[in-house]
Amino acid sequence: MIKLKWRIYEEFDEFRFDETLSDINSGVYAIWSNYEKNIIPLYTGQGNIKQRLYHHNSQTDFGDHFPLSVAWANTFDMNGIERFLYNTLNPKITKASPRVTPIPVNLPTYLN
């Protein structure tokens, strides 16, 4: 199992104020709803973290699943790890996940 160092924004919009988040941060991420202490995995993804979070923040794909939280980790093994996150978390908003062998990783604290 690969141990990732997860960064967590308990409120999704916090990423906008993170001055350490730059365009060189690439990896995997998971978005979830944390309503009344009920954790609902919504989405897993990969890519340029800053661009992807701005993209998701401007969309309405999450319907009434608020408030949103997000965790992300830098990694080069994006396809396999995203597949593992997708298989493990079973996010409510589905999309095509990479058709590769899953690479097991530790999950973000809130999603254990």
PDB file of N, CA and C in Angstrom:
ATOM      1  N   MET A   1       0.850  -1.180   0.000  1.00  0.00           N
ATOM      2  CA  MET A   1       0.000   0.000   0.000  1.00  0.00           C
ATOM      3  C   MET A   1       0.897   1.246   0.000  1.00  0.00           C
ATOM      4  N   ILE A   2       0.560   2.179  -0.863  1.00  0.00           N
ATOM      5  CA  ILE A   2       1.274   3.449  -0.928  1.00  0.00           C
ATOM      6  C   ILE A   2       0.672   4.403   0.107  1.00  0.00           C
ATOM      7  N   LYS A   3       1.534   5.063   0.863  1.00  0.00           N
ATOM      8  CA  LYS A   3       1.082   6.054   1.853  1.00  0.00           C
ATOM      9  C   LYS A   3       1.146   7.440   1.220  1.00  0.00           C
ATOM     10  N   LEU A   4      -0.013   8.009   0.985  1.00  0.00           N
ATOM     11  CA  LEU A   4      -0.083   9.359   0.427  1.00  0.00           C
ATOM     12  C   LEU A   4      -0.188  10.384   1.547  1.00  0.00           C
ATOM     13  N   LYS A   5       0.304  11.577   1.281  1.00  0.00           N
ATOM     14  CA  LYS A   5       0.145  12.696   2.214  1.00  0.00           C
ATOM     15  C   LYS A   5      -1.036  13.527   1.711  1.00  0.00           C
ATOM     16  N   TRP A   6      -2.177  13.350   2.340  1.00  0.00           N
ATOM     17  CA  TRP A   6      -3.401  14.019   1.915  1.00  0.00           C
ATOM     18  C   TRP A   6      -3.481  15.432   2.478  1.00  0.00           C
ATOM     19  N   ARG A   7      -3.930  16.362   1.669  1.00  0.00           N
ATOM     20  CA  ARG A   7      -4.270  17.711   2.118  1.00  0.00           C
ATOM     21  C   ARG A   7      -5.789  17.782   2.086  1.00  0.00           C
ATOM     22  N   ILE A   8      -6.367  18.284   3.132  1.00  0.00           N
ATOM     23  CA  ILE A   8      -7.827  18.297   3.252  1.00  0.00           C
ATOM     24  C   ILE A   8      -8.329  19.727   3.413  1.00  0.00           C
ATOM     25  N   TYR A   9      -9.368  20.038   2.638  1.00  0.00           N
ATOM     26  CA  TYR A   9     -10.097  21.285   2.815  1.00  0.00           C
ATOM     27  C   TYR A   9     -11.478  20.880   3.339  1.00  0.00           C
ATOM     28  N   GLU A  10     -11.718  21.158   4.607  1.00  0.00           N
ATOM     29  CA  GLU A  10     -13.004  20.773   5.200  1.00  0.00           C
ATOM     30  C   GLU A  10     -14.160  21.516   4.551  1.00  0.00           C
ATOM     31  N   GLU A  11     -13.885  22.705   4.062  1.00  0.00           N
ATOM     32  CA  GLU A  11     -14.854  23.447   3.262  1.00  0.00           C
ATOM     33  C   GLU A  11     -14.237  23.606   1.882  1.00  0.00           C
ATOM     34  N   PHE A  12     -14.940  23.147   0.877  1.00  0.00           N
ATOM     35  CA  PHE A  12     -14.398  23.072  -0.479  1.00  0.00           C
ATOM     36  C   PHE A  12     -13.708  24.367  -0.914  1.00  0.00           C
ATOM     37  N   ASP A  13     -14.316  25.513  -0.639  1.00  0.00           N
ATOM     38  CA  ASP A  13     -13.787  26.790  -1.104  1.00  0.00           C
ATOM     39  C   ASP A  13     -12.435  27.151  -0.502  1.00  0.00           C
ATOM     40  N   GLU A  14     -11.996  26.450   0.533  1.00  0.00           N
ATOM     41  CA  GLU A  14     -10.711  26.766   1.166  1.00  0.00           C
ATOM     42  C   GLU A  14      -9.555  26.696   0.172  1.00  0.00           C
ATOM     43  N   PHE A  15      -9.679  25.882  -0.874  1.00  0.00           N
ATOM     44  CA  PHE A  15      -8.575  25.757  -1.834  1.00  0.00           C
ATOM     45  C   PHE A  15      -8.256  27.100  -2.485  1.00  0.00           C
ATOM     46  N   ARG A  16      -9.245  27.967  -2.616  1.00  0.00           N
ATOM     47  CA  ARG A  16      -9.040  29.270  -3.260  1.00  0.00           C
ATOM     48  C   ARG A  16      -8.072  30.157  -2.467  1.00  0.00           C
ATOM     49  N   PHE A  17      -7.973  29.917  -1.170  1.00  0.00           N
ATOM     50  CA  PHE A  17      -7.155  30.758  -0.297  1.00  0.00           C
ATOM     51  C   PHE A  17      -5.836  30.101   0.087  1.00  0.00           C
ATOM     52  N   ASP A  18      -5.569  28.925  -0.453  1.00  0.00           N
ATOM     53  CA  ASP A  18      -4.342  28.190  -0.147  1.00  0.00           C
ATOM     54  C   ASP A  18      -3.225  28.693  -1.062  1.00  0.00           C
ATOM     55  N   GLU A  19      -2.365  29.537  -0.518  1.00  0.00           N
ATOM     56  CA  GLU A  19      -1.290  30.121  -1.317  1.00  0.00           C
ATOM     57  C   GLU A  19      -0.207  29.109  -1.676  1.00  0.00           C
ATOM     58  N   THR A  20      -0.211  27.935  -1.032  1.00  0.00           N
ATOM     59  CA  THR A  20       0.785  26.911  -1.362  1.00  0.00           C
ATOM     60  C   THR A  20       0.318  26.017  -2.508  1.00  0.00           C
ATOM     61  N   LEU A  21      -0.966  26.090  -2.865  1.00  0.00           N
ATOM     62  CA  LEU A  21      -1.485  25.295  -3.975  1.00  0.00           C
ATOM     63  C   LEU A  21      -1.093  25.976  -5.281  1.00  0.00           C
ATOM     64  N   SER A  22      -0.316  25.276  -6.099  1.00  0.00           N
ATOM     65  CA  SER A  22       0.162  25.888  -7.334  1.00  0.00           C
ATOM     66  C   SER A  22      -0.170  25.022  -8.534  1.00  0.00           C
ATOM     67  N   ASP A  23       0.167  25.529  -9.698  1.00  0.00           N
ATOM     68  CA  ASP A  23      -0.113  24.813 -10.937  1.00  0.00           C
ATOM     69  C   ASP A  23       0.744  23.570 -11.122  1.00  0.00           C
ATOM     70  N   ILE A  24       1.737  23.369 -10.270  1.00  0.00           N
ATOM     71  CA  ILE A  24       2.553  22.155 -10.404  1.00  0.00           C
ATOM     72  C   ILE A  24       2.010  20.996  -9.570  1.00  0.00           C
ATOM     73  N   ASN A  25       0.974  21.243  -8.776  1.00  0.00           N
ATOM     74  CA  ASN A  25       0.383  20.177  -7.970  1.00  0.00           C
ATOM     75  C   ASN A  25      -0.525  19.312  -8.830  1.00  0.00           C
ATOM     76  N   SER A  26      -0.095  18.095  -9.075  1.00  0.00           N
ATOM     77  CA  SER A  26      -0.898  17.131  -9.826  1.00  0.00           C
ATOM     78  C   SER A  26      -1.027  15.871  -9.001  1.00  0.00           C
ATOM     79  N   GLY A  27      -2.179  15.234  -9.109  1.00  0.00           N
ATOM     80  CA  GLY A  27      -2.393  14.012  -8.342  1.00  0.00           C
ATOM     81  C   GLY A  27      -3.829  13.569  -8.398  1.00  0.00           C
ATOM     82  N   VAL A  28      -4.288  13.025  -7.292  1.00  0.00           N
ATOM     83  CA  VAL A  28      -5.641  12.490  -7.194  1.00  0.00           C
ATOM     84  C   VAL A  28      -6.410  13.263  -6.121  1.00  0.00           C
ATOM     85  N   TYR A  29      -7.735  13.187  -6.223  1.00  0.00           N
ATOM     86  CA  TYR A  29      -8.560  13.878  -5.227  1.00  0.00           C
ATOM     87  C   TYR A  29      -9.881  13.166  -5.043  1.00  0.00           C
ATOM     88  N   ALA A  30     -10.513  13.452  -3.923  1.00  0.00           N
ATOM     89  CA  ALA A  30     -11.846  12.928  -3.624  1.00  0.00           C
ATOM     90  C   ALA A  30     -12.671  14.073  -3.049  1.00  0.00           C
ATOM     91  N   ILE A  31     -13.917  14.149  -3.486  1.00  0.00           N
ATOM     92  CA  ILE A  31     -14.846  15.168  -3.000  1.00  0.00           C
ATOM     93  C   ILE A  31     -15.981  14.444  -2.296  1.00  0.00           C
ATOM     94  N   TRP A  32     -16.380  14.972  -1.141  1.00  0.00           N
ATOM     95  CA  TRP A  32     -17.471  14.338  -0.402  1.00  0.00           C
ATOM     96  C   TRP A  32     -18.343  15.399   0.246  1.00  0.00           C
ATOM     97  N   SER A  33     -19.520  14.969   0.616  1.00  0.00           N
ATOM     98  CA  SER A  33     -20.451  15.809   1.352  1.00  0.00           C
ATOM     99  C   SER A  33     -20.366  15.404   2.814  1.00  0.00           C
ATOM    100  N   ASN A  34     -20.415  16.401   3.675  1.00  0.00           N
ATOM    101  CA  ASN A  34     -20.337  16.145   5.110  1.00  0.00           C
ATOM    102  C   ASN A  34     -21.504  16.869   5.759  1.00  0.00           C
ATOM    103  N   TYR A  35     -22.685  16.298   5.606  1.00  0.00           N
ATOM    104  CA  TYR A  35     -23.894  16.931   6.111  1.00  0.00           C
ATOM    105  C   TYR A  35     -24.361  16.213   7.368  1.00  0.00           C
ATOM    106  N   GLU A  36     -24.447  16.941   8.462  1.00  0.00           N
ATOM    107  CA  GLU A  36     -24.875  16.384   9.749  1.00  0.00           C
ATOM    108  C   GLU A  36     -24.100  15.111  10.098  1.00  0.00           C
ATOM    109  N   LYS A  37     -22.776  15.189   9.910  1.00  0.00           N
ATOM    110  CA  LYS A  37     -21.852  14.095  10.243  1.00  0.00           C
ATOM    111  C   LYS A  37     -22.045  12.849   9.389  1.00  0.00           C
ATOM    112  N   ASN A  38     -22.788  12.962   8.291  1.00  0.00           N
ATOM    113  CA  ASN A  38     -22.917  11.867   7.331  1.00  0.00           C
ATOM    114  C   ASN A  38     -21.955  12.125   6.183  1.00  0.00           C
ATOM    115  N   ILE A  39     -20.972  11.241   6.027  1.00  0.00           N
ATOM    116  CA  ILE A  39     -19.985  11.372   4.968  1.00  0.00           C
ATOM    117  C   ILE A  39     -20.500  10.629   3.734  1.00  0.00           C
ATOM    118  N   ILE A  40     -20.653  11.352   2.633  1.00  0.00           N
ATOM    119  CA  ILE A  40     -21.122  10.756   1.384  1.00  0.00           C
ATOM    120  C   ILE A  40     -20.088  11.031   0.302  1.00  0.00           C
ATOM    121  N   PRO A  41     -19.290  10.004  -0.105  1.00  0.00           N
ATOM    122  CA  PRO A  41     -18.345  10.212  -1.203  1.00  0.00           C
ATOM    123  C   PRO A  41     -19.107  10.567  -2.482  1.00  0.00           C
ATOM    124  N   LEU A  42     -18.687  11.649  -3.133  1.00  0.00           N
ATOM    125  CA  LEU A  42     -19.395  12.118  -4.324  1.00  0.00           C
ATOM    126  C   LEU A  42     -18.608  11.924  -5.612  1.00  0.00           C
ATOM    127  N   TYR A  43     -17.287  12.113  -5.556  1.00  0.00           N
ATOM    128  CA  TYR A  43     -16.531  12.147  -6.804  1.00  0.00           C
ATOM    129  C   TYR A  43     -15.067  11.849  -6.529  1.00  0.00           C
ATOM    130  N   THR A  44     -14.423  11.138  -7.454  1.00  0.00           N
ATOM    131  CA  THR A  44     -12.973  10.953  -7.413  1.00  0.00           C
ATOM    132  C   THR A  44     -12.413  11.418  -8.751  1.00  0.00           C
ATOM    133  N   GLY A  45     -11.195  11.921  -8.731  1.00  0.00           N
ATOM    134  CA  GLY A  45     -10.609  12.402  -9.969  1.00  0.00           C
ATOM    135  C   GLY A  45      -9.108  12.512  -9.875  1.00  0.00           C
ATOM    136  N   GLN A  46      -8.532  13.045 -10.954  1.00  0.00           N
ATOM    137  CA  GLN A  46      -7.084  13.200 -11.034  1.00  0.00           C
ATOM    138  C   GLN A  46      -6.758  14.342 -11.979  1.00  0.00           C
ATOM    139  N   GLY A  47      -5.516  14.809 -11.913  1.00  0.00           N
ATOM    140  CA  GLY A  47      -5.042  15.836 -12.827  1.00  0.00           C
ATOM    141  C   GLY A  47      -4.399  16.981 -12.090  1.00  0.00           C
ATOM    142  N   ASN A  48      -4.372  18.139 -12.752  1.00  0.00           N
ATOM    143  CA  ASN A  48      -3.857  19.358 -12.139  1.00  0.00           C
ATOM    144  C   ASN A  48      -4.864  19.773 -11.070  1.00  0.00           C
ATOM    145  N   ILE A  49      -4.464  19.684  -9.820  1.00  0.00           N
ATOM    146  CA  ILE A  49      -5.405  19.865  -8.712  1.00  0.00           C
ATOM    147  C   ILE A  49      -6.072  21.230  -8.745  1.00  0.00           C
ATOM    148  N   LYS A  50      -5.302  22.269  -8.915  1.00  0.00           N
ATOM    149  CA  LYS A  50      -5.859  23.622  -8.907  1.00  0.00           C
ATOM    150  C   LYS A  50      -6.909  23.785 -10.009  1.00  0.00           C
ATOM    151  N   GLN A  51      -6.576  23.356 -11.231  1.00  0.00           N
ATOM    152  CA  GLN A  51      -7.530  23.461 -12.345  1.00  0.00           C
ATOM    153  C   GLN A  51      -8.772  22.624 -12.106  1.00  0.00           C
ATOM    154  N   ARG A  52      -8.581  21.400 -11.628  1.00  0.00           N
ATOM    155  CA  ARG A  52      -9.731  20.507 -11.423  1.00  0.00           C
ATOM    156  C   ARG A  52     -10.663  21.053 -10.341  1.00  0.00           C
ATOM    157  N   LEU A  53     -10.114  21.585  -9.250  1.00  0.00           N
ATOM    158  CA  LEU A  53     -10.961  22.110  -8.183  1.00  0.00           C
ATOM    159  C   LEU A  53     -11.708  23.358  -8.639  1.00  0.00           C
ATOM    160  N   TYR A  54     -11.042  24.223  -9.404  1.00  0.00           N
ATOM    161  CA  TYR A  54     -11.754  25.391  -9.957  1.00  0.00           C
ATOM    162  C   TYR A  54     -12.890  24.927 -10.878  1.00  0.00           C
ATOM    163  N   HIS A  55     -12.615  23.913 -11.684  1.00  0.00           N
ATOM    164  CA  HIS A  55     -13.635  23.370 -12.581  1.00  0.00           C
ATOM    165  C   HIS A  55     -14.841  22.867 -11.784  1.00  0.00           C
ATOM    166  N   HIS A  56     -14.593  22.039 -10.780  1.00  0.00           N
ATOM    167  CA  HIS A  56     -15.695  21.485  -9.984  1.00  0.00           C
ATOM    168  C   HIS A  56     -16.430  22.569  -9.203  1.00  0.00           C
ATOM    169  N   ASN A  57     -15.700  23.559  -8.730  1.00  0.00           N
ATOM    170  CA  ASN A  57     -16.311  24.622  -7.937  1.00  0.00           C
ATOM    171  C   ASN A  57     -17.262  25.470  -8.773  1.00  0.00           C
ATOM    172  N   SER A  58     -17.053  25.498 -10.079  1.00  0.00           N
ATOM    173  CA  SER A  58     -17.917  26.303 -10.950  1.00  0.00           C
ATOM    174  C   SER A  58     -19.080  25.499 -11.525  1.00  0.00           C
ATOM    175  N   GLN A  59     -19.152  24.216 -11.198  1.00  0.00           N
ATOM    176  CA  GLN A  59     -20.213  23.363 -11.737  1.00  0.00           C
ATOM    177  C   GLN A  59     -21.307  23.131 -10.707  1.00  0.00           C
ATOM    178  N   THR A  60     -22.411  22.630 -11.183  1.00  0.00           N
ATOM    179  CA  THR A  60     -23.523  22.310 -10.287  1.00  0.00           C
ATOM    180  C   THR A  60     -23.733  20.803 -10.209  1.00  0.00           C
ATOM    181  N   ASP A  61     -22.716  20.029 -10.554  1.00  0.00           N
ATOM    182  CA  ASP A  61     -22.822  18.569 -10.571  1.00  0.00           C
ATOM    183  C   ASP A  61     -23.178  17.962  -9.219  1.00  0.00           C
ATOM    184  N   PHE A  62     -22.969  18.708  -8.157  1.00  0.00           N
ATOM    185  CA  PHE A  62     -23.145  18.123  -6.835  1.00  0.00           C
ATOM    186  C   PHE A  62     -24.538  18.326  -6.268  1.00  0.00           C
ATOM    187  N   GLY A  63     -25.416  18.930  -7.065  1.00  0.00           N
ATOM    188  CA  GLY A  63     -26.814  19.061  -6.672  1.00  0.00           C
ATOM    189  C   GLY A  63     -26.966  19.696  -5.306  1.00  0.00           C
ATOM    190  N   ASP A  64     -27.714  19.011  -4.437  1.00  0.00           N
ATOM    191  CA  ASP A  64     -27.949  19.553  -3.098  1.00  0.00           C
ATOM    192  C   ASP A  64     -27.041  18.913  -2.052  1.00  0.00           C
ATOM    193  N   HIS A  65     -25.949  18.320  -2.478  1.00  0.00           N
ATOM    194  CA  HIS A  65     -25.000  17.688  -1.559  1.00  0.00           C
ATOM    195  C   HIS A  65     -24.020  18.725  -1.020  1.00  0.00           C
ATOM    196  N   PHE A  66     -24.447  19.462  -0.019  1.00  0.00           N
ATOM    197  CA  PHE A  66     -23.591  20.478   0.582  1.00  0.00           C
ATOM    198  C   PHE A  66     -23.661  20.357   2.087  1.00  0.00           C
ATOM    199  N   PRO A  67     -22.662  20.755   2.827  1.00  0.00           N
ATOM    200  CA  PRO A  67     -21.416  21.343   2.372  1.00  0.00           C
ATOM    201  C   PRO A  67     -20.476  20.283   1.789  1.00  0.00           C
ATOM    202  N   LEU A  68     -19.541  20.751   0.956  1.00  0.00           N
ATOM    203  CA  LEU A  68     -18.579  19.864   0.315  1.00  0.00           C
ATOM    204  C   LEU A  68     -17.211  19.991   0.973  1.00  0.00           C
ATOM    205  N   SER A  69     -16.498  18.876   0.996  1.00  0.00           N
ATOM    206  CA  SER A  69     -15.107  18.837   1.440  1.00  0.00           C
ATOM    207  C   SER A  69     -14.308  18.145   0.350  1.00  0.00           C
ATOM    208  N   VAL A  70     -12.987  18.364   0.361  1.00  0.00           N
ATOM    209  CA  VAL A  70     -12.132  17.740  -0.641  1.00  0.00           C
ATOM    210  C   VAL A  70     -10.787  17.401  -0.019  1.00  0.00           C
ATOM    211  N   ALA A  71     -10.211  16.308  -0.484  1.00  0.00           N
ATOM    212  CA  ALA A  71      -8.848  15.930  -0.109  1.00  0.00           C
ATOM    213  C   ALA A  71      -8.090  15.625  -1.387  1.00  0.00           C
ATOM    214  N   TRP A  72      -6.808  15.981  -1.409  1.00  0.00           N
ATOM    215  CA  TRP A  72      -5.995  15.691  -2.583  1.00  0.00           C
ATOM    216  C   TRP A  72      -4.590  15.333  -2.147  1.00  0.00           C
ATOM    217  N   ALA A  73      -3.905  14.609  -3.031  1.00  0.00           N
ATOM    218  CA  ALA A  73      -2.529  14.198  -2.755  1.00  0.00           C
ATOM    219  C   ALA A  73      -1.728  14.222  -4.049  1.00  0.00           C
ATOM    220  N   ASN A  74      -0.504  14.707  -3.960  1.00  0.00           N
ATOM    221  CA  ASN A  74       0.404  14.672  -5.107  1.00  0.00           C
ATOM    222  C   ASN A  74       0.833  13.233  -5.360  1.00  0.00           C
ATOM    223  N   THR A  75       0.809  12.818  -6.618  1.00  0.00           N
ATOM    224  CA  THR A  75       1.292  11.488  -6.986  1.00  0.00           C
ATOM    225  C   THR A  75       1.467  11.426  -8.491  1.00  0.00           C
ATOM    226  N   PHE A  76       2.357  10.533  -8.929  1.00  0.00           N
ATOM    227  CA  PHE A  76       2.518  10.288 -10.363  1.00  0.00           C
ATOM    228  C   PHE A  76       1.696   9.086 -10.807  1.00  0.00           C
ATOM    229  N   ASP A  77       1.277   8.238  -9.855  1.00  0.00           N
ATOM    230  CA  ASP A  77       0.512   7.020 -10.171  1.00  0.00           C
ATOM    231  C   ASP A  77      -0.981   7.326 -10.202  1.00  0.00           C
ATOM    232  N   MET A  78      -1.365   8.324 -10.974  1.00  0.00           N
ATOM    233  CA  MET A  78      -2.737   8.815 -10.917  1.00  0.00           C
ATOM    234  C   MET A  78      -3.779   7.796 -11.368  1.00  0.00           C
ATOM    235  N   ASN A  79      -3.577   7.120 -12.475  1.00  0.00           N
ATOM    236  CA  ASN A  79      -4.606   6.213 -12.997  1.00  0.00           C
ATOM    237  C   ASN A  79      -4.925   5.090 -12.024  1.00  0.00           C
ATOM    238  N   GLY A  80      -3.906   4.388 -11.550  1.00  0.00           N
ATOM    239  CA  GLY A  80      -4.128   3.264 -10.650  1.00  0.00           C
ATOM    240  C   GLY A  80      -4.714   3.681  -9.323  1.00  0.00           C
ATOM    241  N   ILE A  81      -4.262   4.824  -8.802  1.00  0.00           N
ATOM    242  CA  ILE A  81      -4.786   5.296  -7.515  1.00  0.00           C
ATOM    243  C   ILE A  81      -6.211   5.799  -7.669  1.00  0.00           C
ATOM    244  N   GLU A  82      -6.484   6.514  -8.758  1.00  0.00           N
ATOM    245  CA  GLU A  82      -7.871   6.950  -8.960  1.00  0.00           C
ATOM    246  C   GLU A  82      -8.793   5.735  -9.056  1.00  0.00           C
ATOM    247  N   ARG A  83      -8.346   4.686  -9.749  1.00  0.00           N
ATOM    248  CA  ARG A  83      -9.161   3.468  -9.851  1.00  0.00           C
ATOM    249  C   ARG A  83      -9.424   2.881  -8.466  1.00  0.00           C
ATOM    250  N   PHE A  84      -8.398   2.839  -7.616  1.00  0.00           N
ATOM    251  CA  PHE A  84      -8.566   2.334  -6.252  1.00  0.00           C
ATOM    252  C   PHE A  84      -9.571   3.193  -5.477  1.00  0.00           C
ATOM    253  N   LEU A  85      -9.424   4.514  -5.558  1.00  0.00           N
ATOM    254  CA  LEU A  85     -10.353   5.400  -4.847  1.00  0.00           C
ATOM    255  C   LEU A  85     -11.782   5.205  -5.339  1.00  0.00           C
ATOM    256  N   TYR A  86     -11.932   5.103  -6.635  1.00  0.00           N
ATOM    257  CA  TYR A  86     -13.257   4.893  -7.229  1.00  0.00           C
ATOM    258  C   TYR A  86     -13.876   3.583  -6.739  1.00  0.00           C
ATOM    259  N   ASN A  87     -13.087   2.512  -6.783  1.00  0.00           N
ATOM    260  CA  ASN A  87     -13.594   1.204  -6.352  1.00  0.00           C
ATOM    261  C   ASN A  87     -13.904   1.181  -4.859  1.00  0.00           C
ATOM    262  N   THR A  88     -13.067   1.810  -4.069  1.00  0.00           N
ATOM    263  CA  THR A  88     -13.202   1.762  -2.611  1.00  0.00           C
ATOM    264  C   THR A  88     -14.295   2.683  -2.095  1.00  0.00           C
ATOM    265  N   LEU A  89     -14.353   3.897  -2.612  1.00  0.00           N
ATOM    266  CA  LEU A  89     -15.294   4.892  -2.103  1.00  0.00           C
ATOM    267  C   LEU A  89     -16.667   4.812  -2.750  1.00  0.00           C
ATOM    268  N   ASN A  90     -16.739   4.229  -3.948  1.00  0.00           N
ATOM    269  CA  ASN A  90     -18.004   4.114  -4.657  1.00  0.00           C
ATOM    270  C   ASN A  90     -18.742   5.459  -4.686  1.00  0.00           C
ATOM    271  N   PRO A  91     -18.150   6.462  -5.332  1.00  0.00           N
ATOM    272  CA  PRO A  91     -18.740   7.801  -5.306  1.00  0.00           C
ATOM    273  C   PRO A  91     -20.120   7.839  -5.949  1.00  0.00           C
ATOM    274  N   LYS A  92     -20.940   8.719  -5.403  1.00  0.00           N
ATOM    275  CA  LYS A  92     -22.325   8.845  -5.848  1.00  0.00           C
ATOM    276  C   LYS A  92     -22.436   9.393  -7.278  1.00  0.00           C
ATOM    277  N   ILE A  93     -21.531  10.287  -7.643  1.00  0.00           N
ATOM    278  CA  ILE A  93     -21.520  10.845  -8.992  1.00  0.00           C
ATOM    279  C   ILE A  93     -20.486  10.043  -9.773  1.00  0.00           C
ATOM    280  N   THR A  94     -20.964   9.235 -10.698  1.00  0.00           N
ATOM    281  CA  THR A  94     -20.060   8.330 -11.398  1.00  0.00           C
ATOM    282  C   THR A  94     -19.594   8.922 -12.710  1.00  0.00           C
ATOM    283  N   LYS A  95     -18.463   8.452 -13.126  1.00  0.00           N
ATOM    284  CA  LYS A  95     -17.887   8.797 -14.413  1.00  0.00           C
ATOM    285  C   LYS A  95     -17.010   7.614 -14.794  1.00  0.00           C
ATOM    286  N   ALA A  96     -16.482   7.640 -15.960  1.00  0.00           N
ATOM    287  CA  ALA A  96     -15.580   6.560 -16.357  1.00  0.00           C
ATOM    288  C   ALA A  96     -14.294   6.681 -15.554  1.00  0.00           C
ATOM    289  N   SER A  97     -13.921   5.621 -14.885  1.00  0.00           N
ATOM    290  CA  SER A  97     -12.645   5.638 -14.178  1.00  0.00           C
ATOM    291  C   SER A  97     -11.631   4.866 -15.022  1.00  0.00           C
ATOM    292  N   PRO A  98     -10.353   5.114 -14.806  1.00  0.00           N
ATOM    293  CA  PRO A  98      -9.345   4.443 -15.630  1.00  0.00           C
ATOM    294  C   PRO A  98      -9.470   2.923 -15.567  1.00  0.00           C
ATOM    295  N   ARG A  99      -9.307   2.279 -16.687  1.00  0.00           N
ATOM    296  CA  ARG A  99      -9.374   0.807 -16.758  1.00  0.00           C
ATOM    297  C   ARG A  99      -7.967   0.250 -16.596  1.00  0.00           C
ATOM    298  N   VAL A 100      -7.493   0.337 -15.366  1.00  0.00           N
ATOM    299  CA  VAL A 100      -6.158  -0.133 -15.013  1.00  0.00           C
ATOM    300  C   VAL A 100      -6.251  -0.893 -13.696  1.00  0.00           C
ATOM    301  N   THR A 101      -5.168  -1.526 -13.336  1.00  0.00           N
ATOM    302  CA  THR A 101      -5.114  -2.223 -12.052  1.00  0.00           C
ATOM    303  C   THR A 101      -5.098  -1.193 -10.929  1.00  0.00           C
ATOM    304  N   PRO A 102      -5.998  -1.344  -9.945  1.00  0.00           N
ATOM    305  CA  PRO A 102      -6.012  -0.399  -8.821  1.00  0.00           C
ATOM    306  C   PRO A 102      -4.707  -0.463  -8.029  1.00  0.00           C
ATOM    307  N   ILE A 103      -4.257   0.683  -7.565  1.00  0.00           N
ATOM    308  CA  ILE A 103      -3.088   0.771  -6.697  1.00  0.00           C
ATOM    309  C   ILE A 103      -3.583   1.196  -5.319  1.00  0.00           C
ATOM    310  N   PRO A 104      -3.526   0.302  -4.329  1.00  0.00           N
ATOM    311  CA  PRO A 104      -4.022   0.627  -2.986  1.00  0.00           C
ATOM    312  C   PRO A 104      -3.226   1.752  -2.312  1.00  0.00           C
ATOM    313  N   VAL A 105      -3.961   2.641  -1.658  1.00  0.00           N
ATOM    314  CA  VAL A 105      -3.367   3.745  -0.900  1.00  0.00           C
ATOM    315  C   VAL A 105      -4.149   3.927   0.392  1.00  0.00           C
ATOM    316  N   ASN A 106      -3.540   4.653   1.325  1.00  0.00           N
ATOM    317  CA  ASN A 106      -4.283   5.058   2.513  1.00  0.00           C
ATOM    318  C   ASN A 106      -5.337   6.078   2.086  1.00  0.00           C
ATOM    319  N   LEU A 107      -6.461   6.085   2.762  1.00  0.00           N
ATOM    320  CA  LEU A 107      -7.537   7.019   2.444  1.00  0.00           C
ATOM    321  C   LEU A 107      -7.389   8.285   3.278  1.00  0.00           C
ATOM    322  N   PRO A 108      -7.951   9.393   2.818  1.00  0.00           N
ATOM    323  CA  PRO A 108      -7.967  10.592   3.651  1.00  0.00           C
ATOM    324  C   PRO A 108      -8.697  10.310   4.969  1.00  0.00           C
ATOM    325  N   THR A 109      -8.297  10.970   6.020  1.00  0.00           N
ATOM    326  CA  THR A 109      -8.820  10.729   7.364  1.00  0.00           C
ATOM    327  C   THR A 109     -10.334  10.618   7.409  1.00  0.00           C
ATOM    328  N   TYR A 110     -11.036  11.553   6.809  1.00  0.00           N
ATOM    329  CA  TYR A 110     -12.494  11.580   6.890  1.00  0.00           C
ATOM    330  C   TYR A 110     -13.163  10.427   6.160  1.00  0.00           C
ATOM    331  N   LEU A 111     -12.453   9.798   5.239  1.00  0.00           N
ATOM    332  CA  LEU A 111     -13.056   8.768   4.406  1.00  0.00           C
ATOM    333  C   LEU A 111     -12.671   7.355   4.827  1.00  0.00           C
ATOM    334  N   ASN A 112     -12.000   7.211   5.953  1.00  0.00           N
ATOM    335  CA  ASN A 112     -11.642   5.867   6.452  1.00  0.00           C
ATOM    336  C   ASN A 112     -12.850   5.139   6.994  1.00  0.00           C
TER     337      ASN A 112
END
